[in-house]
Structure formats: structure tokens, C-alpha cells
Amino acid sequence: MKTIIEEKNGGVVVSVQGELDTNTSIQFQRDIEPLMERKDTHVEMDLSKLDYVSSKALRIIVAFQQAVLKNGGSFSITKVTDTVREVFDMTGLSASFLRD
């Protein structure tokens, strides 16, 4: 798993590549922790190169969104693989997170 964080157009793009499983989600949480404290930040997640997402990783993404919104920011996931979209669909999170 690899997390790439880029400042772009006044916001932040978080790209995640590989597999976000129970073990790698710990590093992912460390990677995004500083962003969870920022005020008035737009966060866009790019999951176009993410092959797998675990339930633990989904909980971290939900907490990430909640922290960003609580701090006056906005949060969106704009790109996902079909496999990851299926997981979001099965868990009922698609409506809250995914933009087509």
C-alpha cells in the first residue's frame, strides 16, 4: 500500500495504491492523521489504483471524512476501481462517499 498526499488547487488529493487491508490500514491512518486536524480543507480521495479495501480501512475512511467535515472542510472520493466500488455498494457507503 502506498499513500500519496498532494496539495492541489487549494485542497488536498489523497491517492491510495495497492491493498488497504487490516495491516496496511495502520500506516494509512498515520499518513492521513495530520490532515484530520486541518481546518477548512477540501480533501479528495483518488482510489483509482486501490485494489482492495478492508472493513477496518473503511472505518478509517469514515473517521477521516467525519474529522474533515467537523473542521469545516469538505470530503469526496472521486475515483474508484470496480472492486472497491462493490465494497462501498455492499456496505451502503456509496451514497455518502462516491461521486460518479
PDB file of N, CA and C in Angstrom:
ATOM      1  N   MET A   1       0.836  -1.164   0.000  1.00  0.00           N
ATOM      2  CA  MET A   1       0.000   0.000   0.000  1.00  0.00           C
ATOM      3  C   MET A   1       0.884   1.231   0.000  1.00  0.00           C
ATOM      4  N   LYS A   2       0.465   2.209  -0.779  1.00  0.00           N
ATOM      5  CA  LYS A   2       1.198   3.470  -0.854  1.00  0.00           C
ATOM      6  C   LYS A   2       0.181   4.607  -0.801  1.00  0.00           C
ATOM      7  N   THR A   3       0.467   5.604   0.035  1.00  0.00           N
ATOM      8  CA  THR A   3      -0.375   6.793   0.137  1.00  0.00           C
ATOM      9  C   THR A   3       0.415   7.977  -0.394  1.00  0.00           C
ATOM     10  N   ILE A   4      -0.184   8.698  -1.341  1.00  0.00           N
ATOM     11  CA  ILE A   4       0.438   9.900  -1.895  1.00  0.00           C
ATOM     12  C   ILE A   4      -0.476  11.070  -1.550  1.00  0.00           C
ATOM     13  N   ILE A   5       0.082  12.078  -0.898  1.00  0.00           N
ATOM     14  CA  ILE A   5      -0.689  13.254  -0.496  1.00  0.00           C
ATOM     15  C   ILE A   5      -0.121  14.454  -1.230  1.00  0.00           C
ATOM     16  N   GLU A   6      -0.990  15.126  -2.009  1.00  0.00           N
ATOM     17  CA  GLU A   6      -0.561  16.266  -2.809  1.00  0.00           C
ATOM     18  C   GLU A   6      -1.464  17.469  -2.546  1.00  0.00           C
ATOM     19  N   GLU A   7      -0.849  18.622  -2.378  1.00  0.00           N
ATOM     20  CA  GLU A   7      -1.604  19.873  -2.303  1.00  0.00           C
ATOM     21  C   GLU A   7      -1.962  20.252  -3.734  1.00  0.00           C
ATOM     22  N   LYS A   8      -3.257  20.531  -3.987  1.00  0.00           N
ATOM     23  CA  LYS A   8      -3.677  20.822  -5.345  1.00  0.00           C
ATOM     24  C   LYS A   8      -4.908  21.725  -5.325  1.00  0.00           C
ATOM     25  N   ASN A   9      -4.852  22.822  -6.053  1.00  0.00           N
ATOM     26  CA  ASN A   9      -5.994  23.733  -6.207  1.00  0.00           C
ATOM     27  C   ASN A   9      -6.624  24.146  -4.883  1.00  0.00           C
ATOM     28  N   GLY A  10      -5.803  24.433  -3.902  1.00  0.00           N
ATOM     29  CA  GLY A  10      -6.302  24.876  -2.605  1.00  0.00           C
ATOM     30  C   GLY A  10      -6.808  23.761  -1.715  1.00  0.00           C
ATOM     31  N   GLY A  11      -6.689  22.532  -2.145  1.00  0.00           N
ATOM     32  CA  GLY A  11      -7.123  21.383  -1.353  1.00  0.00           C
ATOM     33  C   GLY A  11      -6.044  20.324  -1.321  1.00  0.00           C
ATOM     34  N   VAL A  12      -6.448  19.133  -0.932  1.00  0.00           N
ATOM     35  CA  VAL A  12      -5.508  18.025  -0.814  1.00  0.00           C
ATOM     36  C   VAL A  12      -6.083  16.817  -1.553  1.00  0.00           C
ATOM     37  N   VAL A  13      -5.239  16.196  -2.366  1.00  0.00           N
ATOM     38  CA  VAL A  13      -5.613  14.945  -3.035  1.00  0.00           C
ATOM     39  C   VAL A  13      -4.843  13.822  -2.344  1.00  0.00           C
ATOM     40  N   VAL A  14      -5.597  12.831  -1.869  1.00  0.00           N
ATOM     41  CA  VAL A  14      -5.012  11.663  -1.218  1.00  0.00           C
ATOM     42  C   VAL A  14      -5.212  10.478  -2.153  1.00  0.00           C
ATOM     43  N   SER A  15      -4.125   9.974  -2.717  1.00  0.00           N
ATOM     44  CA  SER A  15      -4.180   8.811  -3.612  1.00  0.00           C
ATOM     45  C   SER A  15      -3.673   7.597  -2.852  1.00  0.00           C
ATOM     46  N   VAL A  16      -4.436   6.513  -2.951  1.00  0.00           N
ATOM     47  CA  VAL A  16      -4.045   5.275  -2.269  1.00  0.00           C
ATOM     48  C   VAL A  16      -3.892   4.194  -3.333  1.00  0.00           C
ATOM     49  N   GLN A  17      -2.759   3.494  -3.256  1.00  0.00           N
ATOM     50  CA  GLN A  17      -2.452   2.470  -4.260  1.00  0.00           C
ATOM     51  C   GLN A  17      -2.198   1.135  -3.577  1.00  0.00           C
ATOM     52  N   GLY A  18      -2.588   0.064  -4.265  1.00  0.00           N
ATOM     53  CA  GLY A  18      -2.321  -1.276  -3.743  1.00  0.00           C
ATOM     54  C   GLY A  18      -3.480  -1.825  -2.953  1.00  0.00           C
ATOM     55  N   GLU A  19      -3.189  -2.477  -1.815  1.00  0.00           N
ATOM     56  CA  GLU A  19      -4.209  -3.075  -0.966  1.00  0.00           C
ATOM     57  C   GLU A  19      -4.247  -2.379   0.376  1.00  0.00           C
ATOM     58  N   LEU A  20      -5.433  -1.964   0.753  1.00  0.00           N
ATOM     59  CA  LEU A  20      -5.644  -1.302   2.048  1.00  0.00           C
ATOM     60  C   LEU A  20      -6.342  -2.321   2.941  1.00  0.00           C
ATOM     61  N   ASP A  21      -5.530  -3.164   3.585  1.00  0.00           N
ATOM     62  CA  ASP A  21      -6.066  -4.242   4.402  1.00  0.00           C
ATOM     63  C   ASP A  21      -5.860  -3.940   5.880  1.00  0.00           C
ATOM     64  N   THR A  22      -6.130  -4.910   6.724  1.00  0.00           N
ATOM     65  CA  THR A  22      -6.030  -4.711   8.168  1.00  0.00           C
ATOM     66  C   THR A  22      -4.631  -4.265   8.575  1.00  0.00           C
ATOM     67  N   ASN A  23      -3.609  -4.828   7.975  1.00  0.00           N
ATOM     68  CA  ASN A  23      -2.233  -4.477   8.334  1.00  0.00           C
ATOM     69  C   ASN A  23      -1.806  -3.128   7.768  1.00  0.00           C
ATOM     70  N   THR A  24      -2.086  -2.884   6.501  1.00  0.00           N
ATOM     71  CA  THR A  24      -1.632  -1.633   5.877  1.00  0.00           C
ATOM     72  C   THR A  24      -2.480  -0.431   6.288  1.00  0.00           C
ATOM     73  N   SER A  25      -3.682  -0.673   6.809  1.00  0.00           N
ATOM     74  CA  SER A  25      -4.529   0.448   7.217  1.00  0.00           C
ATOM     75  C   SER A  25      -3.927   1.228   8.384  1.00  0.00           C
ATOM     76  N   ILE A  26      -3.083   0.576   9.171  1.00  0.00           N
ATOM     77  CA  ILE A  26      -2.414   1.263  10.284  1.00  0.00           C
ATOM     78  C   ILE A  26      -1.500   2.362   9.731  1.00  0.00           C
ATOM     79  N   GLN A  27      -0.716   2.043   8.705  1.00  0.00           N
ATOM     80  CA  GLN A  27       0.144   3.051   8.085  1.00  0.00           C
ATOM     81  C   GLN A  27      -0.689   4.121   7.389  1.00  0.00           C
ATOM     82  N   PHE A  28      -1.764   3.716   6.729  1.00  0.00           N
ATOM     83  CA  PHE A  28      -2.655   4.678   6.079  1.00  0.00           C
ATOM     84  C   PHE A  28      -3.185   5.686   7.100  1.00  0.00           C
ATOM     85  N   GLN A  29      -3.599   5.194   8.256  1.00  0.00           N
ATOM     86  CA  GLN A  29      -4.104   6.099   9.299  1.00  0.00           C
ATOM     87  C   GLN A  29      -3.019   7.079   9.744  1.00  0.00           C
ATOM     88  N   ARG A  30      -1.796   6.606   9.884  1.00  0.00           N
ATOM     89  CA  ARG A  30      -0.684   7.500  10.244  1.00  0.00           C
ATOM     90  C   ARG A  30      -0.451   8.552   9.148  1.00  0.00           C
ATOM     91  N   ASP A  31      -0.568   8.127   7.902  1.00  0.00           N
ATOM     92  CA  ASP A  31      -0.334   9.032   6.777  1.00  0.00           C
ATOM     93  C   ASP A  31      -1.350  10.172   6.737  1.00  0.00           C
ATOM     94  N   ILE A  32      -2.616   9.862   7.034  1.00  0.00           N
ATOM     95  CA  ILE A  32      -3.665  10.881   6.910  1.00  0.00           C
ATOM     96  C   ILE A  32      -3.931  11.656   8.196  1.00  0.00           C
ATOM     97  N   GLU A  33      -3.370  11.207   9.316  1.00  0.00           N
ATOM     98  CA  GLU A  33      -3.632  11.851  10.606  1.00  0.00           C
ATOM     99  C   GLU A  33      -3.438  13.363  10.594  1.00  0.00           C
ATOM    100  N   PRO A  34      -2.355  13.893  10.014  1.00  0.00           N
ATOM    101  CA  PRO A  34      -2.192  15.356  10.013  1.00  0.00           C
ATOM    102  C   PRO A  34      -3.331  16.071   9.274  1.00  0.00           C
ATOM    103  N   LEU A  35      -3.901  15.428   8.261  1.00  0.00           N
ATOM    104  CA  LEU A  35      -4.991  16.040   7.504  1.00  0.00           C
ATOM    105  C   LEU A  35      -6.275  16.097   8.315  1.00  0.00           C
ATOM    106  N   MET A  36      -6.416  15.213   9.276  1.00  0.00           N
ATOM    107  CA  MET A  36      -7.630  15.162  10.087  1.00  0.00           C
ATOM    108  C   MET A  36      -7.733  16.356  11.028  1.00  0.00           C
ATOM    109  N   GLU A  37      -6.631  17.040  11.251  1.00  0.00           N
ATOM    110  CA  GLU A  37      -6.603  18.194  12.155  1.00  0.00           C
ATOM    111  C   GLU A  37      -6.705  19.531  11.423  1.00  0.00           C
ATOM    112  N   ARG A  38      -6.570  19.526  10.125  1.00  0.00           N
ATOM    113  CA  ARG A  38      -6.560  20.778   9.361  1.00  0.00           C
ATOM    114  C   ARG A  38      -7.936  21.398   9.293  1.00  0.00           C
ATOM    115  N   LYS A  39      -7.977  22.704   9.291  1.00  0.00           N
ATOM    116  CA  LYS A  39      -9.226  23.463   9.221  1.00  0.00           C
ATOM    117  C   LYS A  39      -9.538  23.829   7.772  1.00  0.00           C
ATOM    118  N   ASP A  40     -10.825  23.828   7.446  1.00  0.00           N
ATOM    119  CA  ASP A  40     -11.329  24.327   6.158  1.00  0.00           C
ATOM    120  C   ASP A  40     -10.584  23.767   4.950  1.00  0.00           C
ATOM    121  N   THR A  41     -10.365  22.484   4.937  1.00  0.00           N
ATOM    122  CA  THR A  41      -9.617  21.855   3.851  1.00  0.00           C
ATOM    123  C   THR A  41     -10.538  20.960   3.018  1.00  0.00           C
ATOM    124  N   HIS A  42     -10.416  21.076   1.708  1.00  0.00           N
ATOM    125  CA  HIS A  42     -11.126  20.130   0.842  1.00  0.00           C
ATOM    126  C   HIS A  42     -10.205  18.944   0.608  1.00  0.00           C
ATOM    127  N   VAL A  43     -10.709  17.755   0.890  1.00  0.00           N
ATOM    128  CA  VAL A  43      -9.955  16.525   0.676  1.00  0.00           C
ATOM    129  C   VAL A  43     -10.649  15.720  -0.411  1.00  0.00           C
ATOM    130  N   GLU A  44      -9.878  15.353  -1.413  1.00  0.00           N
ATOM    131  CA  GLU A  44     -10.367  14.481  -2.478  1.00  0.00           C
ATOM    132  C   GLU A  44      -9.548  13.197  -2.434  1.00  0.00           C
ATOM    133  N   MET A  45     -10.235  12.070  -2.334  1.00  0.00           N
ATOM    134  CA  MET A  45      -9.528  10.791  -2.341  1.00  0.00           C
ATOM    135  C   MET A  45      -9.600  10.185  -3.732  1.00  0.00           C
ATOM    136  N   ASP A  46      -8.455   9.771  -4.228  1.00  0.00           N
ATOM    137  CA  ASP A  46      -8.344   9.095  -5.520  1.00  0.00           C
ATOM    138  C   ASP A  46      -8.004   7.634  -5.228  1.00  0.00           C
ATOM    139  N   LEU A  47      -8.987   6.767  -5.448  1.00  0.00           N
ATOM    140  CA  LEU A  47      -8.785   5.343  -5.193  1.00  0.00           C
ATOM    141  C   LEU A  47      -8.705   4.547  -6.494  1.00  0.00           C
ATOM    142  N   SER A  48      -8.319   5.218  -7.566  1.00  0.00           N
ATOM    143  CA  SER A  48      -8.286   4.576  -8.883  1.00  0.00           C
ATOM    144  C   SER A  48      -7.229   3.473  -8.991  1.00  0.00           C
ATOM    145  N   LYS A  49      -6.280   3.445  -8.070  1.00  0.00           N
ATOM    146  CA  LYS A  49      -5.244   2.406  -8.092  1.00  0.00           C
ATOM    147  C   LYS A  49      -5.289   1.527  -6.847  1.00  0.00           C
ATOM    148  N   LEU A  50      -6.436   1.594  -6.149  1.00  0.00           N
ATOM    149  CA  LEU A  50      -6.626   0.759  -4.963  1.00  0.00           C
ATOM    150  C   LEU A  50      -7.271  -0.554  -5.392  1.00  0.00           C
ATOM    151  N   ASP A  51      -6.625  -1.675  -5.042  1.00  0.00           N
ATOM    152  CA  ASP A  51      -7.093  -2.996  -5.466  1.00  0.00           C
ATOM    153  C   ASP A  51      -8.021  -3.659  -4.457  1.00  0.00           C
ATOM    154  N   TYR A  52      -7.903  -3.290  -3.186  1.00  0.00           N
ATOM    155  CA  TYR A  52      -8.665  -3.952  -2.125  1.00  0.00           C
ATOM    156  C   TYR A  52      -8.818  -2.992  -0.960  1.00  0.00           C
ATOM    157  N   VAL A  53      -9.978  -3.046  -0.290  1.00  0.00           N
ATOM    158  CA  VAL A  53     -10.197  -2.246   0.914  1.00  0.00           C
ATOM    159  C   VAL A  53     -10.892  -3.125   1.951  1.00  0.00           C
ATOM    160  N   SER A  54     -10.349  -3.167   3.167  1.00  0.00           N
ATOM    161  CA  SER A  54     -10.915  -3.982   4.242  1.00  0.00           C
ATOM    162  C   SER A  54     -11.936  -3.180   5.040  1.00  0.00           C
ATOM    163  N   SER A  55     -12.671  -3.864   5.887  1.00  0.00           N
ATOM    164  CA  SER A  55     -13.648  -3.171   6.736  1.00  0.00           C
ATOM    165  C   SER A  55     -12.950  -2.222   7.712  1.00  0.00           C
ATOM    166  N   LYS A  56     -11.789  -2.602   8.193  1.00  0.00           N
ATOM    167  CA  LYS A  56     -11.033  -1.711   9.085  1.00  0.00           C
ATOM    168  C   LYS A  56     -10.648  -0.426   8.344  1.00  0.00           C
ATOM    169  N   ALA A  57     -10.204  -0.568   7.114  1.00  0.00           N
ATOM    170  CA  ALA A  57      -9.836   0.595   6.310  1.00  0.00           C
ATOM    171  C   ALA A  57     -11.050   1.470   6.037  1.00  0.00           C
ATOM    172  N   LEU A  58     -12.206   0.859   5.799  1.00  0.00           N
ATOM    173  CA  LEU A  58     -13.432   1.638   5.605  1.00  0.00           C
ATOM    174  C   LEU A  58     -13.759   2.463   6.843  1.00  0.00           C
ATOM    175  N   ARG A  59     -13.588   1.894   8.016  1.00  0.00           N
ATOM    176  CA  ARG A  59     -13.836   2.645   9.260  1.00  0.00           C
ATOM    177  C   ARG A  59     -12.891   3.840   9.367  1.00  0.00           C
ATOM    178  N   ILE A  60     -11.658   3.667   8.937  1.00  0.00           N
ATOM    179  CA  ILE A  60     -10.697   4.783   8.960  1.00  0.00           C
ATOM    180  C   ILE A  60     -11.128   5.860   7.972  1.00  0.00           C
ATOM    181  N   ILE A  61     -11.590   5.470   6.798  1.00  0.00           N
ATOM    182  CA  ILE A  61     -12.059   6.442   5.803  1.00  0.00           C
ATOM    183  C   ILE A  61     -13.273   7.200   6.326  1.00  0.00           C
ATOM    184  N   VAL A  62     -14.197   6.495   6.993  1.00  0.00           N
ATOM    185  CA  VAL A  62     -15.369   7.161   7.585  1.00  0.00           C
ATOM    186  C   VAL A  62     -14.925   8.161   8.650  1.00  0.00           C
ATOM    187  N   ALA A  63     -14.009   7.763   9.514  1.00  0.00           N
ATOM    188  CA  ALA A  63     -13.498   8.670  10.554  1.00  0.00           C
ATOM    189  C   ALA A  63     -12.773   9.862   9.936  1.00  0.00           C
ATOM    190  N   PHE A  64     -12.059   9.629   8.849  1.00  0.00           N
ATOM    191  CA  PHE A  64     -11.353  10.684   8.120  1.00  0.00           C
ATOM    192  C   PHE A  64     -12.362  11.711   7.614  1.00  0.00           C
ATOM    193  N   GLN A  65     -13.411  11.226   6.955  1.00  0.00           N
ATOM    194  CA  GLN A  65     -14.447  12.129   6.457  1.00  0.00           C
ATOM    195  C   GLN A  65     -15.068  12.939   7.598  1.00  0.00           C
ATOM    196  N   GLN A  66     -15.415  12.281   8.686  1.00  0.00           N
ATOM    197  CA  GLN A  66     -16.043  12.963   9.818  1.00  0.00           C
ATOM    198  C   GLN A  66     -15.138  14.047  10.393  1.00  0.00           C
ATOM    199  N   ALA A  67     -13.842  13.759  10.500  1.00  0.00           N
ATOM    200  CA  ALA A  67     -12.899  14.746  11.037  1.00  0.00           C
ATOM    201  C   ALA A  67     -12.779  15.950  10.110  1.00  0.00           C
ATOM    202  N   VAL A  68     -12.697  15.699   8.818  1.00  0.00           N
ATOM    203  CA  VAL A  68     -12.573  16.793   7.843  1.00  0.00           C
ATOM    204  C   VAL A  68     -13.820  17.683   7.900  1.00  0.00           C
ATOM    205  N   LEU A  69     -14.982  17.062   7.912  1.00  0.00           N
ATOM    206  CA  LEU A  69     -16.232  17.836   7.955  1.00  0.00           C
ATOM    207  C   LEU A  69     -16.373  18.600   9.266  1.00  0.00           C
ATOM    208  N   LYS A  70     -15.991  17.983  10.369  1.00  0.00           N
ATOM    209  CA  LYS A  70     -16.055  18.637  11.683  1.00  0.00           C
ATOM    210  C   LYS A  70     -15.183  19.891  11.714  1.00  0.00           C
ATOM    211  N   ASN A  71     -14.081  19.863  10.979  1.00  0.00           N
ATOM    212  CA  ASN A  71     -13.157  21.003  10.942  1.00  0.00           C
ATOM    213  C   ASN A  71     -13.491  21.993   9.827  1.00  0.00           C
ATOM    214  N   GLY A  72     -14.712  21.910   9.286  1.00  0.00           N
ATOM    215  CA  GLY A  72     -15.156  22.886   8.298  1.00  0.00           C
ATOM    216  C   GLY A  72     -14.717  22.626   6.880  1.00  0.00           C
ATOM    217  N   GLY A  73     -14.202  21.447   6.620  1.00  0.00           N
ATOM    218  CA  GLY A  73     -13.737  21.113   5.279  1.00  0.00           C
ATOM    219  C   GLY A  73     -14.789  20.362   4.487  1.00  0.00           C
ATOM    220  N   SER A  74     -14.379  19.866   3.337  1.00  0.00           N
ATOM    221  CA  SER A  74     -15.240  19.028   2.505  1.00  0.00           C
ATOM    222  C   SER A  74     -14.450  17.792   2.106  1.00  0.00           C
ATOM    223  N   PHE A  75     -15.176  16.746   1.752  1.00  0.00           N
ATOM    224  CA  PHE A  75     -14.545  15.451   1.527  1.00  0.00           C
ATOM    225  C   PHE A  75     -15.254  14.750   0.382  1.00  0.00           C
ATOM    226  N   SER A  76     -14.480  14.215  -0.557  1.00  0.00           N
ATOM    227  CA  SER A  76     -15.085  13.444  -1.637  1.00  0.00           C
ATOM    228  C   SER A  76     -14.133  12.353  -2.103  1.00  0.00           C
ATOM    229  N   ILE A  77     -14.738  11.308  -2.627  1.00  0.00           N
ATOM    230  CA  ILE A  77     -13.987  10.246  -3.283  1.00  0.00           C
ATOM    231  C   ILE A  77     -14.436  10.283  -4.729  1.00  0.00           C
ATOM    232  N   THR A  78     -13.512  10.568  -5.620  1.00  0.00           N
ATOM    233  CA  THR A  78     -13.903  10.810  -6.999  1.00  0.00           C
ATOM    234  C   THR A  78     -13.552   9.683  -7.958  1.00  0.00           C
ATOM    235  N   LYS A  79     -12.648   8.829  -7.590  1.00  0.00           N
ATOM    236  CA  LYS A  79     -12.230   7.759  -8.492  1.00  0.00           C
ATOM    237  C   LYS A  79     -12.091   6.466  -7.692  1.00  0.00           C
ATOM    238  N   VAL A  80     -12.719   5.401  -8.192  1.00  0.00           N
ATOM    239  CA  VAL A  80     -12.588   4.098  -7.538  1.00  0.00           C
ATOM    240  C   VAL A  80     -12.545   3.000  -8.593  1.00  0.00           C
ATOM    241  N   THR A  81     -11.914   1.909  -8.238  1.00  0.00           N
ATOM    242  CA  THR A  81     -11.933   0.734  -9.102  1.00  0.00           C
ATOM    243  C   THR A  81     -13.284   0.033  -8.929  1.00  0.00           C
ATOM    244  N   ASP A  82     -13.627  -0.815  -9.866  1.00  0.00           N
ATOM    245  CA  ASP A  82     -14.889  -1.556  -9.763  1.00  0.00           C
ATOM    246  C   ASP A  82     -14.932  -2.422  -8.511  1.00  0.00           C
ATOM    247  N   THR A  83     -13.812  -3.030  -8.174  1.00  0.00           N
ATOM    248  CA  THR A  83     -13.740  -3.893  -6.994  1.00  0.00           C
ATOM    249  C   THR A  83     -14.015  -3.105  -5.721  1.00  0.00           C
ATOM    250  N   VAL A  84     -13.409  -1.949  -5.595  1.00  0.00           N
ATOM    251  CA  VAL A  84     -13.603  -1.114  -4.408  1.00  0.00           C
ATOM    252  C   VAL A  84     -15.022  -0.542  -4.394  1.00  0.00           C
ATOM    253  N   ARG A  85     -15.548  -0.174  -5.557  1.00  0.00           N
ATOM    254  CA  ARG A  85     -16.931   0.321  -5.633  1.00  0.00           C
ATOM    255  C   ARG A  85     -17.909  -0.731  -5.102  1.00  0.00           C
ATOM    256  N   GLU A  86     -17.676  -1.986  -5.437  1.00  0.00           N
ATOM    257  CA  GLU A  86     -18.538  -3.063  -4.944  1.00  0.00           C
ATOM    258  C   GLU A  86     -18.557  -3.106  -3.423  1.00  0.00           C
ATOM    259  N   VAL A  87     -17.411  -2.906  -2.799  1.00  0.00           N
ATOM    260  CA  VAL A  87     -17.343  -2.908  -1.334  1.00  0.00           C
ATOM    261  C   VAL A  87     -18.134  -1.726  -0.774  1.00  0.00           C
ATOM    262  N   PHE A  88     -17.970  -0.552  -1.357  1.00  0.00           N
ATOM    263  CA  PHE A  88     -18.742   0.608  -0.922  1.00  0.00           C
ATOM    264  C   PHE A  88     -20.240   0.364  -1.122  1.00  0.00           C
ATOM    265  N   ASP A  89     -20.619  -0.252  -2.235  1.00  0.00           N
ATOM    266  CA  ASP A  89     -22.025  -0.567  -2.502  1.00  0.00           C
ATOM    267  C   ASP A  89     -22.571  -1.552  -1.466  1.00  0.00           C
ATOM    268  N   MET A  90     -21.830  -2.621  -1.194  1.00  0.00           N
ATOM    269  CA  MET A  90     -22.279  -3.655  -0.247  1.00  0.00           C
ATOM    270  C   MET A  90     -22.451  -3.115   1.168  1.00  0.00           C
ATOM    271  N   THR A  91     -21.620  -2.149   1.539  1.00  0.00           N
ATOM    272  CA  THR A  91     -21.687  -1.601   2.890  1.00  0.00           C
ATOM    273  C   THR A  91     -22.629  -0.417   3.003  1.00  0.00           C
ATOM    274  N   GLY A  92     -23.200   0.008   1.891  1.00  0.00           N
ATOM    275  CA  GLY A  92     -24.129   1.136   1.907  1.00  0.00           C
ATOM    276  C   GLY A  92     -23.444   2.489   1.994  1.00  0.00           C
ATOM    277  N   LEU A  93     -22.153   2.536   1.742  1.00  0.00           N
ATOM    278  CA  LEU A  93     -21.404   3.792   1.853  1.00  0.00           C
ATOM    279  C   LEU A  93     -21.309   4.565   0.546  1.00  0.00           C
ATOM    280  N   SER A  94     -21.732   3.977  -0.534  1.00  0.00           N
ATOM    281  CA  SER A  94     -21.606   4.643  -1.850  1.00  0.00           C
ATOM    282  C   SER A  94     -22.284   5.999  -1.875  1.00  0.00           C
ATOM    283  N   ALA A  95     -23.501   6.075  -1.359  1.00  0.00           N
ATOM    284  CA  ALA A  95     -24.259   7.339  -1.414  1.00  0.00           C
ATOM    285  C   ALA A  95     -23.566   8.446  -0.633  1.00  0.00           C
ATOM    286  N   SER A  96     -22.897   8.093   0.441  1.00  0.00           N
ATOM    287  CA  SER A  96     -22.239   9.105   1.282  1.00  0.00           C
ATOM    288  C   SER A  96     -20.860   9.519   0.771  1.00  0.00           C
ATOM    289  N   PHE A  97     -20.221   8.666  -0.022  1.00  0.00           N
ATOM    290  CA  PHE A  97     -18.828   8.904  -0.370  1.00  0.00           C
ATOM    291  C   PHE A  97     -18.527   9.074  -1.848  1.00  0.00           C
ATOM    292  N   LEU A  98     -19.201   8.331  -2.700  1.00  0.00           N
ATOM    293  CA  LEU A  98     -18.768   8.250  -4.096  1.00  0.00           C
ATOM    294  C   LEU A  98     -19.508   9.228  -4.975  1.00  0.00           C
ATOM    295  N   ARG A  99     -18.726   9.923  -5.809  1.00  0.00           N
ATOM    296  CA  ARG A  99     -19.276  10.770  -6.861  1.00  0.00           C
ATOM    297  C   ARG A  99     -18.929  10.103  -8.177  1.00  0.00           C
ATOM    298  N   ASP A 100     -19.906  10.016  -9.043  1.00  0.00           N
ATOM    299  CA  ASP A 100     -19.643   9.397 -10.360  1.00  0.00           C
ATOM    300  C   ASP A 100     -18.963  10.356 -11.286  1.00  0.00           C
TER     301      ASP A 100
END
